N, C-alpha and C. Protein backbone atom coordinates (compact mmCIF):
# COMPACT_ATOMS: atom_id res chain seq x y z
N UNK A 1 -50.87 -52.70 137.19
CA UNK A 1 -49.51 -52.26 136.94
C UNK A 1 -48.65 -52.78 138.08
N UNK A 2 -47.46 -53.34 137.61
CA UNK A 2 -46.43 -53.87 138.58
C UNK A 2 -45.84 -52.68 139.03
N UNK A 3 -45.75 -52.49 140.51
CA UNK A 3 -45.16 -51.31 141.00
C UNK A 3 -43.55 -51.15 140.97
N UNK A 4 -43.04 -52.38 140.89
CA UNK A 4 -41.45 -52.36 140.87
C UNK A 4 -41.11 -52.08 139.40
N UNK A 5 -41.67 -52.69 138.33
CA UNK A 5 -41.04 -52.44 136.92
C UNK A 5 -41.88 -51.27 136.27
N UNK A 6 -43.08 -50.83 136.82
CA UNK A 6 -43.81 -49.90 136.02
C UNK A 6 -44.27 -50.42 134.61
N UNK A 7 -44.49 -51.81 134.66
CA UNK A 7 -44.99 -52.42 133.46
C UNK A 7 -46.32 -52.78 133.46
N UNK A 8 -47.08 -52.54 132.31
CA UNK A 8 -48.42 -53.00 132.36
C UNK A 8 -48.60 -54.54 131.91
N UNK A 9 -49.56 -55.27 132.58
CA UNK A 9 -49.74 -56.64 132.08
C UNK A 9 -50.57 -56.54 130.88
N UNK A 10 -50.24 -57.59 130.00
CA UNK A 10 -51.02 -57.65 128.69
C UNK A 10 -52.49 -58.20 129.00
N UNK A 11 -53.45 -57.42 128.32
CA UNK A 11 -55.03 -57.82 128.66
C UNK A 11 -55.35 -58.65 127.40
N UNK A 12 -54.69 -58.35 126.16
CA UNK A 12 -55.15 -58.88 124.97
C UNK A 12 -54.35 -60.17 124.59
N UNK A 13 -55.01 -61.06 123.81
CA UNK A 13 -54.21 -62.18 123.21
C UNK A 13 -53.23 -61.57 122.13
N UNK A 14 -52.00 -62.26 122.00
CA UNK A 14 -51.04 -61.70 121.10
C UNK A 14 -51.51 -61.82 119.56
N UNK A 15 -52.29 -62.69 119.17
CA UNK A 15 -52.87 -62.78 117.81
C UNK A 15 -53.82 -61.60 117.56
N UNK A 16 -54.63 -61.14 118.61
CA UNK A 16 -55.41 -60.08 118.39
C UNK A 16 -54.61 -58.76 118.39
N UNK A 17 -53.62 -58.70 119.27
CA UNK A 17 -52.86 -57.58 119.12
C UNK A 17 -52.09 -57.25 117.89
N UNK A 18 -51.61 -58.37 117.15
CA UNK A 18 -50.91 -58.28 115.96
C UNK A 18 -51.98 -57.92 114.83
N UNK A 19 -53.33 -58.45 114.88
CA UNK A 19 -54.31 -58.00 113.87
C UNK A 19 -54.65 -56.51 114.10
N UNK A 20 -54.68 -56.07 115.19
CA UNK A 20 -55.06 -54.63 115.42
C UNK A 20 -53.81 -53.61 114.83
N UNK A 21 -52.60 -54.15 115.09
CA UNK A 21 -51.54 -53.33 114.56
C UNK A 21 -51.62 -53.40 112.95
N UNK A 22 -52.01 -54.62 112.38
CA UNK A 22 -52.00 -54.79 111.11
C UNK A 22 -53.06 -53.73 110.39
N UNK A 23 -54.14 -53.57 111.24
CA UNK A 23 -55.30 -52.85 110.66
C UNK A 23 -54.87 -51.24 110.85
N UNK A 24 -54.24 -50.93 111.98
CA UNK A 24 -53.86 -49.49 112.30
C UNK A 24 -52.76 -49.02 111.36
N UNK A 25 -51.71 -50.08 111.06
CA UNK A 25 -50.63 -49.78 110.19
C UNK A 25 -50.70 -50.65 108.92
N UNK A 26 -51.71 -50.47 108.01
CA UNK A 26 -51.78 -51.39 106.86
C UNK A 26 -50.51 -51.36 105.91
N UNK A 27 -50.39 -52.50 105.46
CA UNK A 27 -49.22 -52.66 104.54
C UNK A 27 -49.75 -52.91 102.99
N UNK A 28 -49.18 -52.08 102.07
CA UNK A 28 -49.70 -52.06 100.84
C UNK A 28 -49.12 -53.41 100.06
N UNK A 29 -49.83 -53.98 99.32
CA UNK A 29 -49.11 -55.00 98.28
C UNK A 29 -48.17 -54.34 97.48
N UNK A 30 -47.10 -55.06 97.11
CA UNK A 30 -46.04 -54.29 96.27
C UNK A 30 -46.68 -54.09 94.91
N UNK A 31 -47.59 -54.82 94.43
CA UNK A 31 -48.09 -54.45 93.11
C UNK A 31 -48.95 -53.24 93.01
N UNK A 32 -49.49 -52.91 94.26
CA UNK A 32 -50.33 -51.67 94.30
C UNK A 32 -49.30 -50.49 94.39
N UNK A 33 -48.05 -50.61 95.02
CA UNK A 33 -47.04 -49.59 95.01
C UNK A 33 -46.50 -49.44 93.58
N UNK A 34 -46.22 -50.57 92.98
CA UNK A 34 -45.79 -50.54 91.61
C UNK A 34 -46.70 -49.79 90.67
N UNK A 35 -47.99 -50.15 90.84
CA UNK A 35 -48.93 -49.30 90.05
C UNK A 35 -48.88 -47.86 90.16
N UNK A 36 -48.71 -47.32 91.35
CA UNK A 36 -48.49 -45.93 91.63
C UNK A 36 -47.29 -45.41 90.85
N UNK A 37 -46.08 -46.31 90.68
CA UNK A 37 -44.95 -45.64 90.07
C UNK A 37 -45.40 -45.80 88.59
N UNK A 38 -46.20 -46.71 88.00
CA UNK A 38 -46.30 -46.94 86.50
C UNK A 38 -47.32 -46.19 86.03
N UNK A 39 -48.36 -45.98 86.71
CA UNK A 39 -49.70 -45.40 85.93
C UNK A 39 -49.61 -43.88 86.17
N UNK A 40 -49.87 -43.16 85.00
CA UNK A 40 -50.09 -41.90 85.07
C UNK A 40 -51.35 -41.39 85.68
N UNK A 41 -51.43 -40.27 86.30
CA UNK A 41 -52.88 -39.97 86.72
C UNK A 41 -53.66 -39.44 85.58
N UNK A 42 -55.10 -39.54 85.60
CA UNK A 42 -55.81 -39.24 84.42
C UNK A 42 -55.77 -37.74 84.11
N UNK A 43 -55.56 -36.94 84.97
CA UNK A 43 -55.58 -35.49 84.99
C UNK A 43 -54.40 -34.99 84.85
N UNK A 44 -53.22 -35.39 84.27
CA UNK A 44 -51.96 -34.82 84.26
C UNK A 44 -51.83 -33.63 83.38
N UNK A 45 -52.71 -33.55 82.33
CA UNK A 45 -52.80 -32.45 81.36
C UNK A 45 -51.36 -32.19 80.84
N UNK A 46 -50.70 -33.32 80.35
CA UNK A 46 -49.37 -33.28 79.52
C UNK A 46 -49.56 -32.77 78.17
N UNK A 47 -50.93 -33.09 77.68
CA UNK A 47 -51.22 -32.53 76.29
C UNK A 47 -52.58 -32.67 76.16
N UNK A 48 -53.23 -31.78 75.28
CA UNK A 48 -54.54 -32.05 74.97
C UNK A 48 -54.79 -32.53 73.62
N UNK A 49 -55.91 -33.05 73.49
CA UNK A 49 -56.24 -33.67 72.24
C UNK A 49 -56.97 -32.49 71.43
N UNK A 50 -56.20 -32.08 70.46
CA UNK A 50 -56.71 -30.74 69.55
C UNK A 50 -58.01 -31.11 68.89
N UNK A 51 -58.48 -32.07 68.63
CA UNK A 51 -59.66 -32.44 67.94
C UNK A 51 -60.99 -31.77 68.69
N UNK A 52 -60.65 -31.82 70.07
CA UNK A 52 -61.74 -31.42 70.84
C UNK A 52 -61.74 -29.94 71.37
N UNK A 53 -60.60 -29.20 71.26
CA UNK A 53 -60.51 -27.84 71.79
C UNK A 53 -61.42 -26.96 71.44
N UNK A 54 -61.82 -26.85 69.99
CA UNK A 54 -62.78 -25.89 69.46
C UNK A 54 -64.19 -26.07 70.11
N UNK A 55 -64.38 -27.16 70.83
CA UNK A 55 -65.63 -27.45 71.49
C UNK A 55 -65.63 -27.11 72.93
N UNK A 56 -64.51 -26.60 73.31
CA UNK A 56 -64.21 -26.11 74.71
C UNK A 56 -63.95 -27.26 75.65
N UNK A 57 -63.60 -28.50 75.05
CA UNK A 57 -63.36 -29.59 75.82
C UNK A 57 -61.76 -29.78 75.79
N UNK A 58 -61.18 -29.80 77.05
CA UNK A 58 -59.74 -30.08 77.14
C UNK A 58 -59.54 -31.43 77.69
N UNK A 59 -59.38 -32.36 76.71
CA UNK A 59 -59.27 -33.68 77.08
C UNK A 59 -57.94 -34.06 76.99
N UNK A 60 -57.34 -35.18 77.90
CA UNK A 60 -56.00 -35.59 77.66
C UNK A 60 -55.71 -36.21 76.51
N UNK A 61 -54.56 -36.06 75.91
CA UNK A 61 -54.10 -36.74 74.71
C UNK A 61 -53.70 -38.09 74.91
N UNK A 62 -54.22 -39.07 74.22
CA UNK A 62 -53.84 -40.41 74.60
C UNK A 62 -52.61 -40.81 73.80
N UNK A 63 -51.63 -40.63 74.38
CA UNK A 63 -50.19 -41.05 73.56
C UNK A 63 -49.81 -42.39 74.24
N UNK A 64 -49.16 -43.22 73.40
CA UNK A 64 -48.44 -44.45 74.04
C UNK A 64 -47.25 -43.86 74.70
N UNK A 65 -47.14 -44.14 75.82
CA UNK A 65 -45.99 -43.66 76.73
C UNK A 65 -45.10 -44.88 77.12
N UNK A 66 -43.86 -44.84 77.06
CA UNK A 66 -43.01 -45.87 77.48
C UNK A 66 -42.32 -45.59 78.64
N UNK A 67 -42.21 -46.50 79.64
CA UNK A 67 -41.46 -46.17 80.91
C UNK A 67 -40.39 -47.25 80.88
N UNK A 68 -39.22 -46.92 81.35
CA UNK A 68 -38.05 -47.94 81.40
C UNK A 68 -38.08 -48.34 82.83
N UNK A 69 -38.18 -49.60 82.98
CA UNK A 69 -38.24 -50.23 84.31
C UNK A 69 -36.80 -50.99 84.40
N UNK A 70 -36.03 -50.57 85.43
CA UNK A 70 -34.76 -51.17 85.74
C UNK A 70 -35.08 -52.20 86.77
N UNK A 71 -35.04 -53.55 86.43
CA UNK A 71 -35.41 -54.62 87.37
C UNK A 71 -34.02 -55.27 87.89
N UNK A 72 -33.77 -55.10 89.18
CA UNK A 72 -32.59 -55.67 89.80
C UNK A 72 -33.12 -56.89 90.58
N UNK A 73 -32.36 -58.08 90.39
CA UNK A 73 -32.73 -59.32 91.22
C UNK A 73 -31.47 -59.62 92.02
N UNK A 74 -31.55 -59.63 93.20
CA UNK A 74 -30.50 -60.01 94.21
C UNK A 74 -30.17 -61.44 93.99
N UNK A 75 -28.97 -61.73 93.60
CA UNK A 75 -28.39 -63.09 93.36
C UNK A 75 -27.33 -63.38 94.33
N UNK A 76 -27.26 -62.77 95.53
CA UNK A 76 -26.19 -62.93 96.47
C UNK A 76 -26.26 -64.38 97.11
N UNK A 77 -25.34 -64.74 97.80
CA UNK A 77 -25.47 -65.96 98.40
C UNK A 77 -26.44 -66.14 99.66
N UNK A 78 -26.96 -64.99 100.06
CA UNK A 78 -28.02 -65.06 101.14
C UNK A 78 -29.36 -65.30 100.43
N UNK A 79 -29.48 -65.21 99.15
CA UNK A 79 -30.87 -65.60 98.62
C UNK A 79 -30.88 -66.95 98.20
N UNK A 80 -31.74 -67.80 98.78
CA UNK A 80 -31.99 -69.19 98.29
C UNK A 80 -32.58 -69.43 96.98
N UNK A 81 -32.77 -70.54 96.64
CA UNK A 81 -33.27 -70.98 95.24
C UNK A 81 -34.62 -70.70 95.21
N UNK A 82 -35.46 -70.87 96.32
CA UNK A 82 -36.79 -70.53 96.41
C UNK A 82 -37.17 -69.15 96.26
N UNK A 83 -36.29 -68.24 97.05
CA UNK A 83 -36.50 -66.93 96.73
C UNK A 83 -36.20 -66.50 95.43
N UNK A 84 -35.24 -66.85 94.82
CA UNK A 84 -34.82 -66.54 93.45
C UNK A 84 -35.95 -66.97 92.52
N UNK A 85 -36.63 -68.23 92.78
CA UNK A 85 -37.66 -68.60 91.71
C UNK A 85 -38.88 -67.45 91.88
N UNK A 86 -38.95 -67.02 93.14
CA UNK A 86 -40.07 -65.95 93.39
C UNK A 86 -39.72 -64.71 92.65
N UNK A 87 -38.52 -64.28 92.79
CA UNK A 87 -38.10 -63.21 92.00
C UNK A 87 -38.24 -63.16 90.48
N UNK A 88 -37.93 -64.35 89.99
CA UNK A 88 -38.08 -64.71 88.59
C UNK A 88 -39.57 -64.44 88.13
N UNK A 89 -40.54 -65.24 88.97
CA UNK A 89 -41.78 -65.17 88.73
C UNK A 89 -42.45 -63.86 88.85
N UNK A 90 -42.05 -62.93 89.67
CA UNK A 90 -42.48 -61.54 89.86
C UNK A 90 -42.05 -60.66 88.87
N UNK A 91 -40.91 -61.06 88.27
CA UNK A 91 -40.43 -60.12 87.12
C UNK A 91 -41.08 -60.49 85.94
N UNK A 92 -41.27 -61.67 85.59
CA UNK A 92 -42.29 -62.08 84.58
C UNK A 92 -43.65 -61.46 84.60
N UNK A 93 -44.23 -61.42 85.82
CA UNK A 93 -45.48 -60.90 86.05
C UNK A 93 -45.47 -59.26 85.79
N UNK A 94 -44.45 -58.52 86.23
CA UNK A 94 -44.42 -57.14 86.04
C UNK A 94 -44.52 -56.84 84.57
N UNK A 95 -43.65 -57.65 83.75
CA UNK A 95 -43.56 -57.55 82.37
C UNK A 95 -44.72 -57.80 81.59
N UNK A 96 -45.55 -58.86 82.01
CA UNK A 96 -46.87 -59.25 81.37
C UNK A 96 -47.90 -58.33 81.76
N UNK A 97 -47.95 -57.61 82.95
CA UNK A 97 -49.00 -56.80 83.49
C UNK A 97 -49.15 -55.34 82.99
N UNK A 98 -48.11 -54.86 82.54
CA UNK A 98 -48.05 -53.44 82.10
C UNK A 98 -47.62 -53.32 80.76
N UNK A 99 -48.50 -52.68 80.07
CA UNK A 99 -48.13 -52.17 78.65
C UNK A 99 -47.28 -51.01 78.59
N UNK A 100 -46.34 -50.85 77.51
CA UNK A 100 -45.56 -49.70 77.54
C UNK A 100 -44.32 -49.69 78.48
N UNK A 101 -43.94 -51.02 78.71
CA UNK A 101 -42.66 -51.12 79.70
C UNK A 101 -41.46 -51.54 78.64
N UNK A 102 -40.35 -50.73 78.91
CA UNK A 102 -39.22 -51.16 78.41
C UNK A 102 -38.57 -51.66 79.54
N UNK A 103 -38.33 -53.08 79.57
CA UNK A 103 -37.74 -53.70 80.76
C UNK A 103 -36.21 -53.97 80.51
N UNK A 104 -35.37 -53.73 81.61
CA UNK A 104 -34.02 -53.93 81.69
C UNK A 104 -33.58 -54.57 82.87
N UNK A 105 -33.17 -55.87 82.74
CA UNK A 105 -32.95 -56.75 83.94
C UNK A 105 -31.60 -56.79 84.23
N UNK A 106 -31.27 -56.87 85.64
CA UNK A 106 -29.87 -56.99 86.03
C UNK A 106 -29.95 -58.14 87.07
N UNK A 107 -28.87 -58.80 87.31
CA UNK A 107 -28.60 -59.74 88.35
C UNK A 107 -27.48 -58.98 89.07
N UNK A 108 -27.62 -58.98 90.42
CA UNK A 108 -26.73 -58.22 91.23
C UNK A 108 -26.34 -59.05 92.42
N UNK A 109 -25.08 -59.09 92.73
CA UNK A 109 -24.59 -59.56 94.14
C UNK A 109 -23.55 -58.50 94.47
N UNK A 110 -22.13 -58.77 94.44
CA UNK A 110 -21.31 -57.71 94.52
C UNK A 110 -20.75 -57.13 93.28
N UNK A 111 -21.26 -57.74 92.19
CA UNK A 111 -21.07 -57.23 90.92
C UNK A 111 -22.48 -57.21 90.15
N UNK A 112 -22.35 -56.40 88.90
CA UNK A 112 -23.70 -56.23 88.16
C UNK A 112 -23.52 -57.09 86.93
N UNK A 113 -24.52 -57.90 86.58
CA UNK A 113 -24.57 -58.69 85.25
C UNK A 113 -25.83 -58.12 84.60
N UNK A 114 -25.45 -57.43 83.42
CA UNK A 114 -26.54 -56.79 82.53
C UNK A 114 -26.36 -55.42 82.33
N UNK A 115 -27.28 -54.70 81.61
CA UNK A 115 -28.54 -55.10 81.49
C UNK A 115 -28.99 -55.85 80.43
N UNK A 116 -30.08 -56.75 80.55
CA UNK A 116 -30.62 -57.64 79.60
C UNK A 116 -31.92 -57.03 79.21
N UNK A 117 -32.17 -56.78 77.85
CA UNK A 117 -33.51 -56.37 77.57
C UNK A 117 -34.54 -57.43 77.74
N UNK A 118 -35.69 -57.04 78.27
CA UNK A 118 -36.76 -58.13 78.62
C UNK A 118 -38.03 -57.48 78.25
N UNK A 119 -39.12 -58.27 77.76
CA UNK A 119 -40.22 -57.79 77.38
C UNK A 119 -41.40 -58.96 77.87
N UNK A 120 -42.71 -58.65 77.47
CA UNK A 120 -43.68 -59.51 77.86
C UNK A 120 -43.53 -61.04 77.54
N UNK A 121 -42.67 -61.38 76.46
CA UNK A 121 -42.45 -62.76 75.99
C UNK A 121 -41.32 -63.34 76.77
N UNK A 122 -40.52 -62.57 77.45
CA UNK A 122 -39.20 -62.91 78.04
C UNK A 122 -39.61 -63.98 79.19
N UNK A 123 -38.67 -65.05 79.19
CA UNK A 123 -38.67 -65.90 80.40
C UNK A 123 -37.27 -65.74 80.92
N UNK A 124 -37.16 -65.60 82.29
CA UNK A 124 -35.97 -65.25 82.86
C UNK A 124 -34.97 -66.41 83.02
N UNK A 125 -33.81 -66.18 82.45
CA UNK A 125 -33.06 -67.36 82.21
C UNK A 125 -32.12 -67.51 83.55
N UNK A 126 -31.17 -68.45 83.51
CA UNK A 126 -30.40 -68.77 84.86
C UNK A 126 -29.75 -67.49 85.36
N UNK A 127 -29.93 -67.38 86.57
CA UNK A 127 -29.41 -66.06 87.20
C UNK A 127 -27.85 -66.17 87.37
N UNK A 128 -27.21 -65.03 87.27
CA UNK A 128 -25.71 -64.99 87.55
C UNK A 128 -25.42 -64.43 88.85
N UNK A 129 -24.46 -64.79 89.51
CA UNK A 129 -23.95 -64.20 90.82
C UNK A 129 -23.88 -65.48 91.89
N UNK A 130 -23.76 -65.06 93.09
CA UNK A 130 -23.71 -66.01 94.16
C UNK A 130 -22.72 -65.53 95.20
N UNK A 131 -22.34 -64.17 94.98
CA UNK A 131 -21.32 -63.58 96.07
C UNK A 131 -22.01 -62.84 97.12
N UNK A 132 -21.39 -61.88 97.66
CA UNK A 132 -21.72 -60.95 98.72
C UNK A 132 -22.92 -59.98 98.00
N UNK A 133 -23.48 -59.14 98.79
CA UNK A 133 -24.58 -58.26 98.43
C UNK A 133 -23.98 -56.70 98.68
N UNK A 134 -23.95 -55.99 97.56
CA UNK A 134 -23.63 -54.78 97.60
C UNK A 134 -24.57 -53.94 96.61
N UNK A 135 -25.45 -53.28 97.32
CA UNK A 135 -26.55 -52.51 96.38
C UNK A 135 -25.93 -51.40 95.71
N UNK A 136 -24.91 -50.79 96.29
CA UNK A 136 -24.04 -49.64 95.70
C UNK A 136 -23.59 -49.77 94.35
N UNK A 137 -23.14 -51.05 94.01
CA UNK A 137 -22.49 -51.12 92.68
C UNK A 137 -23.63 -51.13 91.63
N UNK A 138 -24.88 -51.44 91.93
CA UNK A 138 -25.87 -51.42 90.98
C UNK A 138 -26.24 -50.11 90.75
N UNK A 139 -26.46 -49.14 91.79
CA UNK A 139 -26.87 -47.78 91.56
C UNK A 139 -25.79 -47.00 91.06
N UNK A 140 -24.43 -47.29 91.13
CA UNK A 140 -23.51 -46.57 90.64
C UNK A 140 -23.38 -46.80 89.10
N UNK A 141 -23.75 -48.05 88.67
CA UNK A 141 -23.66 -48.41 87.31
C UNK A 141 -24.84 -47.83 86.66
N UNK A 142 -26.03 -47.70 87.27
CA UNK A 142 -27.32 -47.28 86.70
C UNK A 142 -27.17 -45.77 86.53
N UNK A 143 -26.59 -45.00 87.64
CA UNK A 143 -26.55 -43.61 87.37
C UNK A 143 -25.45 -43.23 86.32
N UNK A 144 -24.48 -44.08 86.01
CA UNK A 144 -23.53 -43.71 84.90
C UNK A 144 -24.18 -44.04 83.49
N UNK A 145 -25.18 -44.87 83.47
CA UNK A 145 -25.78 -45.32 82.14
C UNK A 145 -26.91 -44.62 81.91
N UNK A 146 -27.75 -44.09 82.78
CA UNK A 146 -29.06 -43.55 82.74
C UNK A 146 -29.10 -42.24 81.92
N UNK A 147 -29.78 -42.36 80.77
CA UNK A 147 -29.87 -41.12 79.76
C UNK A 147 -30.65 -40.15 80.48
N UNK A 148 -30.13 -38.84 80.33
CA UNK A 148 -30.86 -37.59 80.93
C UNK A 148 -32.33 -37.57 80.47
N UNK A 149 -33.16 -37.25 81.29
CA UNK A 149 -34.63 -37.16 80.98
C UNK A 149 -35.40 -38.37 80.49
N UNK A 150 -34.92 -39.49 80.90
CA UNK A 150 -35.58 -40.71 80.59
C UNK A 150 -36.52 -40.90 81.78
N UNK A 151 -37.77 -41.26 81.39
CA UNK A 151 -38.65 -41.66 82.30
C UNK A 151 -38.36 -43.12 82.88
N UNK A 152 -38.01 -43.24 84.14
CA UNK A 152 -37.48 -44.64 84.54
C UNK A 152 -37.76 -44.68 86.02
N UNK A 153 -37.91 -45.99 86.47
CA UNK A 153 -37.97 -46.47 87.70
C UNK A 153 -37.13 -47.63 87.93
N UNK A 154 -36.85 -47.92 89.26
CA UNK A 154 -36.17 -49.15 89.54
C UNK A 154 -36.97 -49.97 90.54
N UNK A 155 -36.96 -51.34 90.27
CA UNK A 155 -37.69 -52.32 91.08
C UNK A 155 -36.45 -53.24 91.50
N UNK A 156 -36.24 -53.31 92.71
CA UNK A 156 -35.10 -54.21 93.29
C UNK A 156 -35.72 -55.31 94.05
N UNK A 157 -35.63 -56.61 93.70
CA UNK A 157 -36.14 -57.67 94.36
C UNK A 157 -34.97 -58.12 95.16
N UNK A 158 -35.10 -58.39 96.50
CA UNK A 158 -33.88 -58.74 97.36
C UNK A 158 -34.56 -59.33 98.71
N UNK A 159 -33.52 -59.99 99.42
CA UNK A 159 -33.87 -60.33 100.75
C UNK A 159 -33.60 -59.21 101.75
N UNK A 160 -32.93 -58.11 101.21
CA UNK A 160 -32.70 -56.87 102.06
C UNK A 160 -31.41 -56.98 102.93
N UNK A 161 -30.58 -57.95 102.64
CA UNK A 161 -29.36 -58.03 103.35
C UNK A 161 -28.13 -57.54 102.44
N UNK A 162 -27.55 -56.32 102.77
CA UNK A 162 -26.57 -55.79 102.05
C UNK A 162 -26.18 -54.45 102.37
N UNK A 163 -25.23 -53.89 101.70
CA UNK A 163 -24.65 -52.56 101.97
C UNK A 163 -25.33 -51.56 100.88
N UNK A 164 -25.76 -50.46 101.38
CA UNK A 164 -26.37 -49.41 100.67
C UNK A 164 -25.41 -48.34 100.25
N UNK A 165 -25.82 -47.69 99.14
CA UNK A 165 -24.86 -46.62 98.51
C UNK A 165 -25.01 -45.32 99.67
N UNK A 166 -23.98 -44.44 99.54
CA UNK A 166 -23.98 -43.44 100.55
C UNK A 166 -25.17 -42.29 100.20
N UNK A 167 -25.35 -42.28 98.87
CA UNK A 167 -26.48 -41.28 98.51
C UNK A 167 -27.46 -42.03 97.70
N UNK A 168 -28.87 -41.53 97.68
CA UNK A 168 -29.78 -42.23 96.83
C UNK A 168 -29.65 -42.05 95.44
N UNK A 169 -30.26 -42.90 94.42
CA UNK A 169 -30.32 -42.54 93.12
C UNK A 169 -31.16 -41.57 92.67
N UNK A 170 -30.92 -41.03 91.54
CA UNK A 170 -31.94 -39.98 91.12
C UNK A 170 -33.32 -40.42 90.70
N UNK A 171 -33.55 -41.82 90.39
CA UNK A 171 -34.74 -42.21 90.12
C UNK A 171 -35.46 -42.91 91.19
N UNK A 172 -36.88 -42.99 91.16
CA UNK A 172 -37.62 -43.64 92.18
C UNK A 172 -37.14 -45.27 92.27
N UNK A 173 -37.25 -45.60 93.64
CA UNK A 173 -36.86 -47.06 93.86
C UNK A 173 -38.06 -47.73 94.65
N UNK A 174 -38.36 -48.83 94.03
CA UNK A 174 -39.23 -49.68 94.85
C UNK A 174 -38.43 -51.01 95.32
N UNK A 175 -38.26 -51.18 96.54
CA UNK A 175 -37.63 -52.47 97.07
C UNK A 175 -38.69 -53.49 97.19
N UNK A 176 -38.55 -54.58 96.72
CA UNK A 176 -39.53 -55.67 96.96
C UNK A 176 -38.82 -56.81 97.78
N UNK A 177 -39.01 -57.01 98.94
CA UNK A 177 -38.23 -57.77 99.81
C UNK A 177 -38.91 -58.97 100.39
N UNK A 178 -38.11 -60.05 100.65
CA UNK A 178 -38.79 -61.28 101.22
C UNK A 178 -38.91 -61.23 102.67
N UNK A 179 -38.00 -60.55 103.31
CA UNK A 179 -38.13 -60.42 104.96
C UNK A 179 -37.12 -59.32 105.35
N UNK A 180 -37.65 -58.33 105.67
CA UNK A 180 -36.65 -57.29 106.20
C UNK A 180 -37.33 -56.14 106.98
N UNK A 181 -36.59 -55.29 107.69
CA UNK A 181 -37.17 -54.27 108.34
C UNK A 181 -37.09 -53.01 107.49
N UNK A 182 -38.34 -52.47 107.31
CA UNK A 182 -38.52 -51.31 106.46
C UNK A 182 -37.53 -50.17 106.83
N UNK A 183 -37.16 -50.06 108.05
CA UNK A 183 -36.36 -49.03 108.46
C UNK A 183 -34.97 -49.19 108.15
N UNK A 184 -34.45 -50.33 107.62
CA UNK A 184 -33.15 -50.66 107.17
C UNK A 184 -32.87 -50.12 105.75
N UNK A 185 -33.87 -49.52 105.13
CA UNK A 185 -33.67 -49.06 103.84
C UNK A 185 -33.64 -47.56 103.83
N UNK A 186 -32.39 -46.90 103.48
CA UNK A 186 -32.32 -45.41 103.65
C UNK A 186 -33.05 -44.64 102.55
N UNK A 187 -33.69 -45.24 101.50
CA UNK A 187 -34.32 -44.65 100.44
C UNK A 187 -35.32 -45.46 99.80
N UNK A 188 -36.17 -44.78 99.06
CA UNK A 188 -37.09 -45.61 98.25
C UNK A 188 -38.31 -46.12 99.08
N UNK A 189 -39.17 -46.80 98.44
CA UNK A 189 -40.50 -47.44 99.11
C UNK A 189 -40.23 -48.87 99.12
N UNK A 190 -40.60 -49.46 100.34
CA UNK A 190 -40.46 -50.92 100.65
C UNK A 190 -41.68 -51.59 100.69
N UNK A 191 -41.73 -52.83 100.12
CA UNK A 191 -42.86 -53.67 100.12
C UNK A 191 -42.42 -54.89 100.37
N UNK A 192 -43.20 -55.67 101.20
CA UNK A 192 -42.96 -57.03 101.56
C UNK A 192 -43.53 -57.99 100.38
N UNK A 193 -42.74 -58.79 99.84
CA UNK A 193 -43.19 -59.86 98.81
C UNK A 193 -43.82 -60.98 99.64
N UNK A 194 -45.13 -61.12 99.70
CA UNK A 194 -45.87 -62.13 100.42
C UNK A 194 -46.05 -63.42 99.43
N UNK A 195 -45.61 -64.36 100.01
CA UNK A 195 -45.78 -65.69 99.21
C UNK A 195 -46.60 -66.72 99.91
């Protein structure tokens, strides 16, 4: 210990210290976080299959359930073409991987372009935008158009640079970011898009 500064000298190599921090504070892949949003638990008991009740078996009813996913792609000037291509690819992967999705796509900078209905067969077209970043305009439009009692989530693909709304939206939000400090996001879950 240095008596003048009360600092401890580092005894571990920087790479080893980073690896220890990664293990102690593990980061979940954004697809794992999205799965938590999308998948219902097997024991939610929302309805029973009546064919088995007379046998004393209370099995979950297997209904086809639809979830609306509002997918916002940040198209502001701070997002480069490489990041935009990653956002397109990830959006298409979301749509292909999960059955029962009603996808609505938005391009967002300081304005909102969309919603554009998308599905498993959709290919994301040329993005609109290239202005400043304002996350608030998207959430304001979403709150105005959101049907009551609709089961919905929001996935926002962004570089994380922009202004946030004063209050969080009523639906769950998953931020998928290329590089940002998790503490900068005032609401929702944040996952790093590792490429």
